[in-house]
Amino acid sequence: MGRGSSIVYGPWPPRPFRADRVKLTSPAELATWIIHEDEDLLVVNKSGEVVCHPSKFGPTSSLVGAAREYLGLDTVHLVFRLDRETSGIVVMAKNASMASRLQKAMQTRKVGKRYLSLLHGELHGPVLVDQPLGPEIDSPVHVKDHVREDGKEAQTQFIPLARHGGFTAVEVRPRTGRKHQIRAHAQWLGHTVVGDKIYGPDAKLFLRFIDGGWGPELERQLFIRRQALHCAEIDLRPTGLDWVFRADWPADLAKFTSEQLEMPEIELGDPLTTA
C-alpha cells in the first residue's frame, strides 16, 4: 500500500499469519485436481483450503507455487483466481501470450463464469443485483467491500435451485468481476453465503478465526468451516477457445447440503445465456 492511502487492507489491528494454518499442496496432490492441461493451460479444481497467490511459507503453500513445482516452470500466470475459502475452477496460463489473451477477454467480459452457492434464507425467484461496490471503511476487516453509491459498477444474478430448512442452493452468474462481488451482493440481498466469516453475521468472526481458529462459537454462527461458494463453470468459447470447464459440487459442501436441503448434489441449471 502506498503512502497517503486512506484504505488499510486486511484485519485491523494487523494479525500475523500463522504457519500452522497454511495448507501445503504437493505436486502429486495438485495432479489429482487437474481438469485440463495442454501446452498453454493448466486448469484445476481448487480446494477451499488453498490460497492462490504465492506466500512466504514456501512454494507448496499456494496454488501457483504448487503449479510451478508440478510443471517445472519459473513462471505460471494466474488468469482466474479464487479466494482461499472458495473452491472450484482456477485457470493458469503457462506462457505470457495465453495469459494476455485471457486477461483481455476478462476485461471485456468475454468469459462466462457460473458459481454454485448456499445462502441463508429462502430465495423464491431469480434476482439480478445491480449495485455498485466499494470499500466499507468502517468495517473491522478493512478488505471488506459493500454497496455504496460511489462504488464501481457490479452486477450479479442469483438463481434459486432448491430451498429447504431456511437455506437456498443457488446458481450465481456474475456479470462483472469485482472483488468479493458475489459475497457482498449476497449480503446486500439479505441472503448471506453460509459459512462466510467476513460477509456473514459479523465480520469480527473473521478476526476471531484468525486469532483462535475454528471452534464451537464460530460453528454455531457459521455452520460450516468455510464459505459455501464454488466456481462450477468457466466458459472460454467467447474467446475463440473451444473449452467449457466444469467442477462438481465438492464433498465438504455436499455433506451440509445433504443434511440441510436433503440434496447432496447441487448442479448448474440451464446453460449460460446473455439474457
Protein backbone atom coordinates (compact mmCIF):
# COMPACT_ATOMS: atom_id res chain seq x y z
CA MET A 1 0.00 0.00 0.00
CA GLY A 2 1.41 3.39 -0.96
CA ARG A 3 1.89 6.32 1.39
CA GLY A 4 -1.09 8.56 1.83
CA SER A 5 -3.63 5.85 1.06
CA SER A 6 -6.80 6.07 3.14
CA ILE A 7 -7.57 2.35 2.89
CA VAL A 8 -5.95 -0.33 5.04
CA TYR A 9 -6.36 -3.85 3.63
CA GLY A 10 -6.69 -6.87 5.87
CA PRO A 11 -7.80 -7.25 9.51
CA TRP A 12 -7.26 -4.41 11.92
CA PRO A 13 -5.31 -4.37 14.11
CA PRO A 14 -2.95 -6.48 11.94
CA ARG A 15 -2.59 -10.17 12.81
CA PRO A 16 0.45 -12.24 11.83
CA PHE A 17 -0.41 -15.11 9.53
CA ARG A 18 0.21 -18.40 11.32
CA ALA A 19 2.28 -21.02 9.56
CA ASP A 20 0.43 -23.85 11.33
CA ARG A 21 -2.76 -22.90 9.45
CA VAL A 22 -1.21 -22.95 5.99
CA LYS A 23 -2.45 -25.71 3.68
CA LEU A 24 0.51 -27.22 1.83
CA THR A 25 -0.13 -28.75 -1.58
CA SER A 26 2.38 -31.15 -3.09
CA PRO A 27 2.78 -31.51 -6.86
CA ALA A 28 1.33 -35.02 -6.52
CA GLU A 29 -1.81 -33.72 -4.80
CA LEU A 30 -2.15 -30.91 -7.35
CA ALA A 31 -2.08 -33.53 -10.11
CA THR A 32 -5.30 -35.05 -8.70
CA TRP A 33 -7.08 -31.68 -9.10
CA ILE A 34 -6.31 -31.23 -12.80
CA ILE A 35 -9.33 -30.79 -15.06
CA HIS A 36 -7.39 -29.94 -18.22
CA GLU A 37 -3.80 -29.48 -19.31
CA ASP A 38 -2.27 -28.62 -22.68
CA GLU A 39 0.74 -26.66 -23.93
CA ASP A 40 -0.87 -23.33 -22.93
CA LEU A 41 -3.17 -24.00 -19.98
CA LEU A 42 -3.35 -25.74 -16.63
CA VAL A 43 -6.89 -25.86 -15.22
CA VAL A 44 -7.57 -27.24 -11.75
CA ASN A 45 -10.45 -27.76 -9.33
CA LYS A 46 -9.07 -25.92 -6.29
CA SER A 47 -9.76 -26.99 -2.73
CA GLY A 48 -11.42 -24.45 -0.44
CA GLU A 49 -8.39 -24.60 1.88
CA VAL A 50 -5.85 -23.34 -0.63
CA VAL A 51 -4.70 -19.78 -1.29
CA CYS A 52 -3.97 -18.92 -4.92
CA HIS A 53 -1.18 -16.34 -4.71
CA PRO A 54 2.39 -17.17 -3.60
CA SER A 55 3.14 -16.72 0.09
CA LYS A 56 6.24 -16.51 2.26
CA PHE A 57 5.74 -20.08 3.54
CA GLY A 58 7.30 -21.80 0.54
CA PRO A 59 6.27 -22.95 -2.93
CA THR A 60 3.73 -25.54 -1.81
CA SER A 61 1.87 -23.04 0.40
CA SER A 62 -0.04 -21.65 -2.61
CA LEU A 63 -1.70 -22.95 -5.74
CA VAL A 64 0.65 -21.01 -8.02
CA GLY A 65 3.69 -22.30 -6.13
CA ALA A 66 2.49 -25.89 -6.32
CA ALA A 67 1.77 -25.44 -10.04
CA ARG A 68 5.31 -24.18 -10.63
CA GLU A 69 6.69 -27.23 -8.86
CA TYR A 70 4.41 -29.58 -10.80
CA LEU A 71 5.20 -28.02 -14.19
CA GLY A 72 8.87 -27.27 -13.57
CA LEU A 73 8.33 -23.68 -14.71
CA ASP A 74 9.70 -20.48 -13.20
CA THR A 75 6.52 -18.56 -14.02
CA VAL A 76 2.87 -19.58 -14.04
CA HIS A 77 0.27 -16.92 -14.87
CA LEU A 78 -2.80 -16.93 -12.64
CA VAL A 79 -5.57 -15.85 -15.04
CA PHE A 80 -8.71 -16.55 -12.97
CA ARG A 81 -8.17 -16.59 -9.20
CA LEU A 82 -10.45 -17.55 -6.33
CA ASP A 83 -10.46 -16.52 -2.68
CA ARG A 84 -8.88 -19.07 -0.35
CA GLU A 85 -12.21 -20.32 1.02
CA THR A 86 -13.84 -20.52 -2.42
CA SER A 87 -13.40 -23.83 -4.20
CA GLY A 88 -13.63 -24.66 -7.87
CA ILE A 89 -12.10 -23.86 -11.23
CA VAL A 90 -8.86 -21.92 -11.48
CA VAL A 91 -7.25 -21.30 -14.87
CA MET A 92 -3.49 -20.78 -15.14
CA ALA A 93 -1.55 -19.98 -18.30
CA LYS A 94 1.86 -21.48 -18.97
CA ASN A 95 3.02 -18.59 -21.15
CA ALA A 96 2.60 -14.82 -21.37
CA SER A 97 0.78 -14.81 -24.71
CA MET A 98 -2.07 -17.02 -23.49
CA ALA A 99 -2.22 -15.11 -20.22
CA SER A 100 -2.54 -11.81 -22.07
CA ARG A 101 -5.24 -13.21 -24.36
CA LEU A 102 -7.39 -14.43 -21.47
CA GLN A 103 -6.82 -11.38 -19.30
CA LYS A 104 -8.02 -9.13 -22.13
CA ALA A 105 -11.05 -11.38 -22.56
CA MET A 106 -11.84 -10.99 -18.88
CA GLN A 107 -11.57 -7.21 -19.11
CA THR A 108 -14.06 -7.16 -21.99
CA ARG A 109 -16.38 -9.66 -20.25
CA LYS A 110 -15.93 -12.37 -22.86
CA VAL A 111 -15.52 -15.18 -20.35
CA GLY A 112 -18.57 -16.95 -18.89
CA LYS A 113 -18.43 -17.86 -15.19
CA ARG A 114 -21.01 -19.68 -13.12
CA TYR A 115 -20.89 -20.47 -9.43
CA LEU A 116 -22.87 -22.62 -7.04
CA SER A 117 -23.55 -21.40 -3.52
CA LEU A 118 -25.65 -21.94 -0.45
CA LEU A 119 -27.43 -18.92 1.04
CA HIS A 120 -29.17 -18.22 4.32
CA GLY A 121 -32.92 -17.80 3.95
CA GLU A 122 -35.26 -18.94 1.21
CA LEU A 123 -34.95 -17.11 -2.11
CA HIS A 124 -38.14 -17.64 -4.13
CA GLY A 125 -37.13 -16.38 -7.56
CA PRO A 126 -34.22 -15.17 -9.70
CA VAL A 127 -32.76 -11.81 -8.69
CA LEU A 128 -30.34 -9.53 -10.54
CA VAL A 129 -28.43 -7.37 -8.08
CA ASP A 130 -27.21 -4.24 -9.90
CA GLN A 131 -25.46 -2.32 -7.13
CA PRO A 132 -22.05 -0.57 -7.12
CA LEU A 133 -19.38 -1.83 -4.73
CA GLY A 134 -16.60 -0.07 -2.85
CA PRO A 135 -14.62 -0.29 0.42
CA GLU A 136 -16.52 -0.47 3.69
CA ILE A 137 -14.23 1.84 5.61
CA ASP A 138 -15.94 1.30 8.99
CA SER A 139 -15.57 -2.49 8.92
CA PRO A 140 -13.17 -4.14 11.41
CA VAL A 141 -11.93 -6.13 8.40
CA HIS A 142 -10.66 -3.48 6.04
CA VAL A 143 -10.57 -5.72 2.98
CA LYS A 144 -14.36 -5.79 3.08
CA ASP A 145 -16.47 -4.11 0.38
CA HIS A 146 -20.14 -3.18 0.39
CA VAL A 147 -22.78 -1.47 -1.70
CA ARG A 148 -22.16 2.28 -1.93
CA GLU A 149 -23.29 4.92 -4.38
CA ASP A 150 -19.77 5.97 -5.34
CA GLY A 151 -18.59 2.39 -5.87
CA LYS A 152 -17.75 0.58 -9.09
CA GLU A 153 -20.41 -0.99 -11.29
CA ALA A 154 -21.24 -4.55 -10.23
CA GLN A 155 -23.95 -6.97 -11.34
CA THR A 156 -24.71 -10.45 -10.00
CA GLN A 157 -27.60 -12.77 -10.86
CA PHE A 158 -28.82 -15.25 -8.24
CA ILE A 159 -30.98 -18.17 -9.45
CA PRO A 160 -32.53 -20.46 -6.82
CA LEU A 161 -32.15 -24.19 -7.44
CA ALA A 162 -33.54 -25.68 -4.21
CA ARG A 163 -34.96 -24.42 -0.89
CA HIS A 164 -35.33 -26.21 2.41
CA GLY A 165 -34.97 -25.58 6.12
CA GLY A 166 -34.10 -21.91 5.87
CA PHE A 167 -31.42 -22.31 3.20
CA THR A 168 -31.36 -21.87 -0.59
CA ALA A 169 -28.99 -23.51 -3.06
CA VAL A 170 -28.35 -21.06 -5.89
CA GLU A 171 -26.59 -20.73 -9.19
CA VAL A 172 -24.73 -17.43 -9.39
CA ARG A 173 -23.87 -15.63 -12.62
CA PRO A 174 -21.59 -12.63 -12.06
CA ARG A 175 -21.75 -10.15 -14.94
CA THR A 176 -18.82 -8.11 -13.65
CA GLY A 177 -15.70 -9.15 -11.75
CA ARG A 178 -15.34 -7.00 -8.63
CA LYS A 179 -13.53 -8.16 -5.50
CA HIS A 180 -15.80 -10.26 -3.25
CA GLN A 181 -18.68 -9.34 -5.56
CA ILE A 182 -20.87 -12.40 -5.00
CA ARG A 183 -20.45 -12.33 -1.23
CA ALA A 184 -21.04 -8.56 -0.93
CA HIS A 185 -24.13 -8.68 -3.15
CA ALA A 186 -25.49 -11.67 -1.22
CA GLN A 187 -25.14 -9.67 1.98
CA TRP A 188 -26.92 -6.66 0.44
CA LEU A 189 -29.68 -9.00 -0.75
CA GLY A 190 -30.20 -10.22 2.82
CA HIS A 191 -29.18 -13.79 1.96
CA THR A 192 -25.58 -14.14 3.07
CA VAL A 193 -23.39 -17.04 1.94
CA VAL A 194 -23.36 -19.83 4.53
CA GLY A 195 -20.00 -20.01 6.32
CA ASP A 196 -18.85 -16.53 5.26
CA LYS A 197 -16.67 -15.13 8.05
CA ILE A 198 -16.50 -11.59 6.61
CA TYR A 199 -19.86 -11.01 4.91
CA GLY A 200 -21.88 -13.23 7.23
CA PRO A 201 -23.46 -12.41 10.60
CA ASP A 202 -20.47 -10.45 11.97
CA ALA A 203 -17.15 -9.55 10.31
CA LYS A 204 -15.46 -9.86 13.70
CA LEU A 205 -15.86 -13.62 13.35
CA PHE A 206 -13.07 -13.46 10.78
CA LEU A 207 -10.76 -11.85 13.37
CA ARG A 208 -11.74 -14.45 15.95
CA PHE A 209 -10.94 -17.19 13.44
CA ILE A 210 -7.51 -15.70 12.75
CA ASP A 211 -6.77 -15.37 16.46
CA GLY A 212 -8.18 -18.65 17.74
CA GLY A 213 -9.01 -20.89 14.81
CA TRP A 214 -12.25 -22.80 14.28
CA GLY A 215 -14.29 -23.56 17.39
CA PRO A 216 -17.80 -24.11 18.80
CA GLU A 217 -18.72 -20.39 18.83
CA LEU A 218 -17.92 -19.98 15.14
CA GLU A 219 -19.67 -23.24 14.28
CA ARG A 220 -22.88 -22.08 15.99
CA GLN A 221 -23.00 -18.93 13.86
CA LEU A 222 -21.43 -20.07 10.59
CA PHE A 223 -22.44 -23.79 10.47
CA ILE A 224 -19.50 -24.81 8.24
CA ARG A 225 -15.75 -24.15 8.29
CA ARG A 226 -15.56 -22.23 5.02
CA GLN A 227 -17.84 -20.21 2.79
CA ALA A 228 -20.23 -22.26 0.64
CA LEU A 229 -19.11 -20.82 -2.67
CA HIS A 230 -17.86 -22.91 -5.58
CA CYS A 231 -16.80 -21.90 -9.11
CA ALA A 232 -18.57 -24.61 -11.11
CA GLU A 233 -18.05 -23.47 -14.72
CA ILE A 234 -15.75 -21.33 -16.83
CA ASP A 235 -16.70 -20.95 -20.49
CA LEU A 236 -13.86 -19.86 -22.79
CA ARG A 237 -15.79 -20.24 -26.05
CA PRO A 238 -16.37 -16.47 -26.42
CA THR A 239 -12.56 -16.08 -26.52
CA GLY A 240 -12.27 -18.40 -29.54
CA LEU A 241 -11.12 -21.39 -27.47
CA ASP A 242 -13.30 -24.49 -27.63
CA TRP A 243 -13.35 -25.13 -23.89
CA VAL A 244 -16.00 -25.21 -21.18
CA PHE A 245 -14.55 -26.34 -17.84
CA ARG A 246 -16.82 -27.67 -15.08
CA ALA A 247 -16.28 -28.83 -11.50
CA ASP A 248 -18.87 -30.72 -9.44
CA TRP A 249 -20.21 -29.56 -6.07
CA PRO A 250 -17.43 -30.51 -3.61
CA ALA A 251 -17.67 -33.20 -0.96
CA ASP A 252 -17.26 -30.90 2.07
CA LEU A 253 -20.25 -28.80 1.00
CA ALA A 254 -22.23 -31.84 -0.18
CA LYS A 255 -22.29 -33.16 3.38
CA PHE A 256 -24.02 -29.99 4.60
CA THR A 257 -26.49 -29.75 1.72
CA SER A 258 -27.37 -33.41 2.15
CA GLU A 259 -28.25 -32.78 5.79
CA GLN A 260 -29.95 -29.38 5.40
CA LEU A 261 -31.52 -29.49 1.92
CA GLU A 262 -31.72 -33.28 1.61
CA MET A 263 -29.79 -32.81 -1.67
CA PRO A 264 -26.14 -33.92 -1.61
CA GLU A 265 -25.61 -32.93 -5.25
CA ILE A 266 -26.22 -29.35 -6.36
CA GLU A 267 -25.96 -28.84 -10.12
CA LEU A 268 -25.98 -25.93 -12.54
CA GLY A 269 -29.23 -25.05 -14.26
CA ASP A 270 -29.65 -24.23 -17.96
CA PRO A 271 -26.55 -23.22 -19.96
CA LEU A 272 -25.22 -19.70 -19.60
CA THR A 273 -27.07 -17.08 -21.65
CA THR A 274 -26.66 -13.36 -22.22
CA ALA A 275 -30.20 -12.59 -21.02
